[in-house]
Protein backbone atom coordinates (compact mmCIF):
# COMPACT_ATOMS: atom_id res chain seq x y z
CA MET A 1 0.00 0.00 0.00
CA THR A 2 1.24 3.48 -0.85
CA ALA A 3 2.11 5.97 1.87
CA SER A 4 -0.04 8.74 0.43
CA TYR A 5 -3.37 9.29 -1.26
CA ARG A 6 -4.99 11.99 -3.40
CA ALA A 7 -7.61 14.30 -1.97
CA VAL A 8 -9.39 17.43 -3.11
CA GLU A 9 -9.34 19.99 -0.32
CA VAL A 10 -10.60 23.48 0.29
CA SER A 11 -7.39 25.30 1.16
CA GLU A 12 -9.08 28.72 1.22
CA PRO A 13 -12.67 29.81 0.61
CA GLY A 14 -13.70 29.15 -2.98
CA LYS A 15 -10.62 27.12 -3.89
CA LEU A 16 -10.67 23.36 -4.52
CA GLN A 17 -7.31 21.77 -5.24
CA VAL A 18 -5.88 18.26 -5.60
CA VAL A 19 -3.27 17.44 -2.96
CA GLU A 20 -1.31 14.44 -1.72
CA ARG A 21 -1.81 13.48 1.90
CA PRO A 22 -0.22 10.82 4.10
CA VAL A 23 -2.43 7.78 4.66
CA PRO A 24 -4.09 8.14 8.10
CA GLU A 25 -4.63 5.35 10.59
CA PRO A 26 -8.09 4.88 12.15
CA ALA A 27 -8.35 5.61 15.86
CA VAL A 28 -10.46 3.70 18.36
CA GLY A 29 -14.03 3.46 17.06
CA GLN A 30 -13.08 4.42 13.51
CA VAL A 31 -12.60 2.74 10.15
CA ARG A 32 -10.58 3.79 7.13
CA ILE A 33 -12.46 3.64 3.83
CA ARG A 34 -10.89 3.32 0.41
CA VAL A 35 -13.34 5.50 -1.46
CA GLU A 36 -14.92 4.27 -4.70
CA ALA A 37 -17.39 7.11 -5.28
CA CYS A 38 -18.44 10.36 -3.65
CA GLY A 39 -21.43 12.56 -4.45
CA VAL A 40 -21.25 16.30 -4.99
CA CYS A 41 -24.07 17.90 -3.00
CA HIS A 42 -25.30 21.47 -2.82
CA THR A 43 -24.63 21.38 0.93
CA ASP A 44 -20.91 21.14 0.06
CA ALA A 45 -21.13 24.85 -0.76
CA ALA A 46 -20.99 25.67 2.96
CA THR A 47 -17.56 24.03 3.09
CA VAL A 48 -16.24 25.32 -0.24
CA SER A 49 -17.32 28.88 0.56
CA GLY A 50 -15.88 28.63 4.08
CA THR A 51 -19.21 29.55 5.69
CA TYR A 52 -19.99 26.34 7.58
CA PRO A 53 -20.14 27.23 11.31
CA GLY A 54 -16.91 26.36 13.09
CA LEU A 55 -15.22 25.22 9.86
CA THR A 56 -11.44 24.95 9.90
CA LEU A 57 -9.38 24.83 6.71
CA PRO A 58 -7.99 22.96 4.93
CA ARG A 59 -10.98 20.61 4.71
CA VAL A 60 -11.91 17.82 2.29
CA PRO A 61 -15.62 18.12 1.33
CA GLY A 62 -18.00 15.25 0.63
CA HIS A 63 -20.69 13.51 2.68
CA GLU A 64 -22.08 10.99 0.17
CA VAL A 65 -19.40 8.33 0.24
CA VAL A 66 -19.17 4.66 -0.72
CA GLY A 67 -16.07 2.47 -0.61
CA ARG A 68 -14.39 -0.49 1.01
CA VAL A 69 -13.14 -0.75 4.57
CA ASP A 70 -9.39 -1.23 4.40
CA ALA A 71 -8.41 -0.69 8.05
CA VAL A 72 -10.28 -0.97 11.35
CA GLY A 73 -9.51 0.84 14.59
CA GLY A 74 -9.72 -0.61 18.07
CA GLY A 75 -13.12 -1.43 19.53
CA VAL A 76 -14.82 -1.87 16.16
CA SER A 77 -16.72 -5.15 15.86
CA ARG A 78 -19.45 -4.36 13.31
CA TRP A 79 -17.15 -3.85 10.30
CA LYS A 80 -14.26 -5.76 8.81
CA VAL A 81 -11.72 -5.17 6.07
CA GLY A 82 -13.32 -5.61 2.66
CA ASP A 83 -16.85 -4.59 3.64
CA ARG A 84 -18.49 -2.21 1.18
CA VAL A 85 -19.87 0.63 3.23
CA GLY A 86 -21.17 4.16 2.97
CA VAL A 87 -21.26 7.37 4.96
CA GLY A 88 -23.92 10.08 4.67
CA PHE A 89 -24.36 13.59 6.02
CA PHE A 90 -24.85 12.28 9.55
CA GLY A 91 -21.53 10.68 10.47
CA GLY A 92 -21.94 10.28 14.20
CA GLU A 93 -23.28 11.85 17.38
CA ASP A 94 -21.70 12.97 20.64
CA GLY A 95 -24.14 10.92 22.73
CA VAL A 96 -24.16 13.40 25.62
CA CYS A 97 -26.11 16.47 24.47
CA GLU A 98 -29.81 16.76 25.34
CA PRO A 99 -31.17 15.73 21.89
CA CYS A 100 -28.94 12.63 21.93
CA ARG A 101 -29.99 11.73 25.46
CA ARG A 102 -33.61 11.96 24.32
CA GLY A 103 -32.90 9.67 21.36
CA ASP A 104 -32.99 12.44 18.74
CA LEU A 105 -29.58 11.68 17.29
CA VAL A 106 -30.07 13.54 14.01
CA ASN A 107 -30.38 16.79 15.96
CA CYS A 108 -27.21 16.19 17.96
CA GLN A 109 -25.70 19.53 18.97
CA ASN A 110 -22.17 18.35 18.16
CA PRO A 111 -22.55 15.95 15.23
CA VAL A 112 -19.81 14.47 13.09
CA ILE A 113 -20.44 15.88 9.60
CA PRO A 114 -18.14 14.41 6.92
CA GLY A 115 -16.81 17.17 4.71
CA ALA A 116 -17.54 19.86 7.30
CA SER A 117 -16.55 19.04 10.88
CA VAL A 118 -14.18 16.30 9.64
CA ASP A 119 -12.64 15.45 6.27
CA GLY A 120 -15.00 13.86 3.78
CA GLY A 121 -15.03 11.82 0.61
CA TYR A 122 -13.54 14.01 -2.14
CA ALA A 123 -10.57 11.72 -1.73
CA GLU A 124 -9.22 8.24 -2.37
CA MET A 125 -9.40 7.52 1.38
CA MET A 126 -11.24 8.84 4.39
CA ILE A 127 -11.62 8.12 8.09
CA ALA A 128 -15.16 7.51 9.36
CA GLU A 129 -16.70 6.90 12.76
CA SER A 130 -17.82 3.27 12.79
CA ARG A 131 -21.16 4.25 14.36
CA GLY A 132 -21.90 6.44 11.33
CA VAL A 133 -21.17 3.80 8.69
CA VAL A 134 -23.87 1.94 6.74
CA ALA A 135 -23.85 -1.32 4.76
CA ILE A 136 -24.34 -1.05 0.99
CA PRO A 137 -26.59 -3.67 -0.66
CA PRO A 138 -24.92 -5.66 -3.45
CA GLU A 139 -27.74 -4.73 -5.84
CA LEU A 140 -26.55 -1.10 -5.90
CA THR A 141 -23.38 0.05 -7.62
CA SER A 142 -21.24 2.48 -5.68
CA VAL A 143 -22.13 5.41 -7.96
CA GLU A 144 -25.83 4.60 -7.65
CA ALA A 145 -25.67 4.39 -3.88
CA VAL A 146 -23.93 7.66 -3.04
CA PRO A 147 -26.80 10.10 -3.86
CA LEU A 148 -29.20 7.88 -1.92
CA LEU A 149 -27.10 8.49 1.22
CA CYS A 150 -28.13 12.16 1.27
CA ALA A 151 -30.73 13.21 -1.29
CA GLY A 152 -32.30 9.76 -1.05
CA ILE A 153 -32.63 9.53 2.70
CA THR A 154 -33.76 13.16 2.92
CA THR A 155 -36.77 12.63 0.66
CA TYR A 156 -37.51 9.05 1.77
CA ASN A 157 -37.52 9.88 5.48
CA ALA A 158 -39.53 13.04 4.97
CA LEU A 159 -42.29 11.10 3.22
CA ARG A 160 -42.36 7.99 5.38
CA ASN A 161 -42.48 10.03 8.60
CA ALA A 162 -45.27 12.36 7.45
CA GLY A 163 -48.17 10.20 8.65
CA LEU A 164 -49.47 9.61 5.13
CA ARG A 165 -51.61 6.73 3.85
CA GLY A 166 -51.58 4.87 0.57
CA GLY A 167 -53.54 6.78 -2.07
CA ASP A 168 -52.98 10.19 -0.47
CA LEU A 169 -52.28 13.07 -2.83
CA VAL A 170 -48.62 14.08 -2.51
CA ALA A 171 -47.01 16.85 -4.54
CA VAL A 172 -43.27 17.21 -5.10
CA GLN A 173 -42.05 20.70 -5.89
CA GLY A 174 -39.01 20.69 -8.16
CA ILE A 175 -37.44 18.03 -10.36
CA GLY A 176 -33.79 18.29 -9.42
CA GLY A 177 -31.34 16.41 -7.27
CA LEU A 178 -33.86 15.97 -4.46
CA GLY A 179 -37.09 16.16 -6.44
CA HIS A 180 -36.33 13.45 -8.99
CA LEU A 181 -35.86 11.03 -6.10
CA GLY A 182 -38.83 12.39 -4.13
CA ILE A 183 -41.14 11.67 -7.07
CA GLN A 184 -39.90 8.09 -7.28
CA PHE A 185 -40.30 7.49 -3.55
CA ALA A 186 -43.78 9.04 -3.49
CA ARG A 187 -44.98 6.86 -6.37
CA ARG A 188 -43.45 3.65 -5.00
CA MET A 189 -44.93 4.33 -1.55
CA GLY A 190 -48.38 4.26 -3.10
CA PHE A 191 -49.21 7.96 -3.12
CA ARG A 192 -51.06 9.79 -5.89
CA THR A 193 -48.03 11.72 -7.04
CA VAL A 194 -48.02 15.20 -8.55
CA ALA A 195 -44.85 16.85 -9.87
CA LEU A 196 -44.57 20.65 -9.83
CA ALA A 197 -41.99 22.31 -12.08
CA ARG A 198 -41.57 25.01 -14.72
CA GLY A 199 -41.70 24.14 -18.42
CA ARG A 200 -43.48 21.56 -20.56
CA GLU A 201 -40.13 19.94 -21.40
CA LYS A 202 -40.10 18.38 -17.93
CA GLU A 203 -43.47 16.69 -18.28
CA LYS A 204 -42.15 13.49 -19.88
CA LEU A 205 -39.37 13.21 -17.29
CA ALA A 206 -41.91 13.60 -14.49
CA ALA A 207 -44.03 10.81 -15.97
CA ASP A 208 -40.99 8.59 -16.45
CA LEU A 209 -40.10 9.09 -12.78
CA GLY A 210 -43.61 8.02 -11.76
CA ALA A 211 -45.69 11.19 -11.43
CA HIS A 212 -49.38 10.66 -12.13
CA VAL A 213 -49.88 14.36 -12.84
CA TYR A 214 -47.55 17.14 -13.97
CA ILE A 215 -48.28 20.80 -13.24
CA ASP A 216 -46.33 23.37 -15.24
CA THR A 217 -46.07 26.23 -12.77
CA ALA A 218 -45.04 28.61 -15.54
CA VAL A 219 -48.50 28.23 -17.10
CA ASP A 220 -50.88 26.81 -14.52
CA ASP A 221 -51.92 28.01 -11.07
CA ALA A 222 -50.54 25.12 -9.03
CA VAL A 223 -52.63 25.97 -5.96
CA ALA A 224 -55.85 26.02 -7.95
CA VAL A 225 -55.04 22.73 -9.69
CA LEU A 226 -54.17 21.03 -6.40
CA GLN A 227 -57.34 22.29 -4.76
CA ARG A 228 -59.45 21.02 -7.69
CA MET A 229 -57.88 17.64 -7.00
CA GLY A 230 -58.95 17.86 -3.35
CA GLY A 231 -55.79 19.42 -1.93
CA ALA A 232 -52.48 17.76 -1.24
CA LYS A 233 -52.04 15.82 1.99
CA ALA A 234 -48.36 16.74 1.75
CA ILE A 235 -46.15 18.90 -0.43
CA LEU A 236 -42.46 18.01 -0.48
CA ALA A 237 -40.62 21.27 -1.22
CA THR A 238 -37.25 20.49 -2.84
CA GLY A 239 -36.70 23.71 -4.82
CA THR A 240 -34.12 26.45 -4.37
CA SER A 241 -36.51 29.42 -4.39
CA GLY A 242 -38.16 30.46 -1.14
CA GLY A 243 -40.37 32.84 -3.07
CA SER A 244 -41.94 29.95 -4.97
CA MET A 245 -42.45 27.81 -1.87
CA GLY A 246 -44.60 30.02 0.34
CA PRO A 247 -47.69 30.36 -1.90
CA LEU A 248 -47.90 26.57 -2.35
CA VAL A 249 -49.03 26.11 1.26
CA SER A 250 -52.51 27.08 0.06
CA GLY A 251 -52.49 23.99 -2.16
CA LEU A 252 -52.65 21.72 0.88
CA ALA A 253 -55.77 19.96 2.06
CA ALA A 254 -56.98 20.62 5.59
CA ARG A 255 -54.40 19.28 8.05
CA GLY A 256 -51.97 19.01 5.16
CA LYS A 257 -48.22 19.22 5.67
CA PHE A 258 -45.71 21.37 3.79
CA ILE A 259 -42.35 19.64 4.21
CA VAL A 260 -39.24 21.67 3.40
CA VAL A 261 -36.16 19.67 2.40
CA GLY A 262 -34.60 22.11 -0.06
CA VAL A 263 -32.76 25.07 1.48
CA PRO A 264 -33.38 28.21 -0.59
CA GLY A 265 -31.16 31.25 -0.26
CA ASP A 266 -34.12 33.63 0.05
CA PRO A 267 -36.78 33.68 2.79
CA ILE A 268 -39.98 31.65 2.58
CA GLN A 269 -42.82 34.14 2.98
CA LEU A 270 -46.07 32.75 4.37
CA SER A 271 -49.61 33.87 4.82
CA ALA A 272 -51.04 32.89 8.19
CA PHE A 273 -54.54 32.40 6.76
CA PRO A 274 -54.09 28.91 5.23
CA LEU A 275 -52.17 27.79 8.32
CA VAL A 276 -54.86 28.85 10.79
CA PHE A 277 -57.93 28.08 8.66
CA GLY A 278 -57.44 24.43 7.88
CA GLY A 279 -54.83 23.56 10.47
CA ARG A 280 -52.08 23.24 7.89
CA SER A 281 -48.46 23.01 8.98
CA ILE A 282 -45.00 23.68 7.63
CA TYR A 283 -41.80 22.11 8.89
CA GLY A 284 -38.35 20.98 7.79
CA ALA A 285 -36.87 17.49 7.53
CA LEU A 286 -33.19 16.61 7.81
CA THR A 287 -31.62 13.33 6.57
CA GLY A 288 -31.64 10.55 9.18
CA THR A 289 -29.57 8.10 11.18
CA PRO A 290 -27.32 5.40 9.74
CA ILE A 291 -30.05 2.78 10.16
CA ASP A 292 -32.45 5.13 8.38
CA ASN A 293 -29.94 5.21 5.56
CA GLU A 294 -29.90 1.43 5.40
CA ASP A 295 -33.70 1.52 5.25
CA THR A 296 -33.49 3.97 2.36
CA LEU A 297 -31.09 1.75 0.43
CA ALA A 298 -33.20 -1.35 1.10
CA PHE A 299 -36.39 0.34 -0.10
CA SER A 300 -34.58 1.67 -3.18
CA VAL A 301 -33.57 -1.89 -4.07
CA LEU A 302 -37.05 -3.24 -3.33
CA ALA A 303 -38.83 -0.57 -5.40
CA ASN A 304 -36.15 -0.21 -8.11
CA ILE A 305 -35.45 3.45 -7.34
CA ARG A 306 -32.26 4.88 -8.78
CA PRO A 307 -30.76 8.36 -8.98
CA MET A 308 -29.94 10.03 -12.28
CA ILE A 309 -26.22 10.75 -12.19
CA GLU A 310 -23.24 12.14 -14.07
CA THR A 311 -19.82 10.74 -13.17
CA VAL A 312 -16.47 12.55 -13.33
CA PRO A 313 -13.00 11.56 -12.08
CA LEU A 314 -11.76 12.89 -8.74
CA GLU A 315 -9.28 15.27 -10.32
CA GLN A 316 -12.18 17.11 -11.99
CA ALA A 317 -13.95 17.76 -8.69
CA ALA A 318 -13.77 21.54 -9.09
CA ALA A 319 -15.48 21.35 -12.49
CA ALA A 320 -18.12 18.95 -11.14
CA TYR A 321 -18.81 21.27 -8.20
CA ALA A 322 -19.15 24.25 -10.54
CA ARG A 323 -21.56 22.34 -12.77
CA MET A 324 -23.69 21.44 -9.75
CA MET A 325 -23.72 25.01 -8.44
CA GLN A 326 -24.71 26.34 -11.89
CA GLY A 327 -27.74 24.04 -11.90
CA LYS A 328 -26.49 22.12 -14.93
CA ALA A 329 -26.18 18.68 -13.31
CA ARG A 330 -28.75 16.04 -14.36
CA PHE A 331 -29.24 15.41 -11.54
CA ARG A 332 -26.45 14.34 -9.19
CA MET A 333 -22.71 14.69 -9.81
CA VAL A 334 -20.61 11.76 -8.60
CA LEU A 335 -16.83 11.66 -8.29
CA THR A 336 -15.15 8.33 -9.10
CA MET A 337 -11.70 7.21 -8.01
CA THR A 338 -9.08 5.64 -10.26
CA THR A 339 -6.26 4.01 -8.34
């Protein structure tokens, strides 16, 4: 084994560069992963821009990682060398803060976040906390699995924890990195699935992904169409515009839920009227635990759900990141390693 490995690090805000690093050894409770693929996620922008709270540079981004365990630290019994594993946005908890003590691990006040609080997967190797690692089903290739570890679990968990029933009307706003998976999950979970996006050119894609109905928001009044259908029991908001999210709350049925999983840069402006009259609600949903991630992968295999991806080699990470930030990716960029 070589004494060094390639990584793409943020050395200063806005700058991604390929570097050589010495191979690290896993500490107690950790594993070393030889990375096979790593997703490029919009959340990586907080690291690349240097704005993630408490971030220290240099830092290797990347929190959608799949590879093989090639070294195991002390006290690790769950994983062994050769296992194909993954790591998502939630890479471990401190176990002592109040949310953790109440069993709410995802809202740990001091979480391990690969690519932010610790080095992530834009690299040929990475160190991961064993408690944050998940098993990858053999039916999924490494490049297929990585987007499911973040965009997948985010949309899957949001829908399965929303108290919905089979046949309920569920709308997915946006057909992008999150939305194209949200539509698939909604359809395979047995919901009457509506896709909301701008432009007729997306109608066929929405149908191919499983949407029963497509609403072109550039032409149609989405709220009026949803209300003619009886109102949505849930709207999964995956878009990047807060201005387009707020009005959609009125498209909910009574007691309907507006679930925000996309993080727009502008505020979401709301009218109190549809919230009060009809008992509608709006809330956010954030990824999930490692076992939630394994549930996501298992359901994706069971229901034949796959992300739409573009692959690029590790050394082109800066170009892949730029393509994602420009909204040109269709729909998830994935870095692959050649060793």
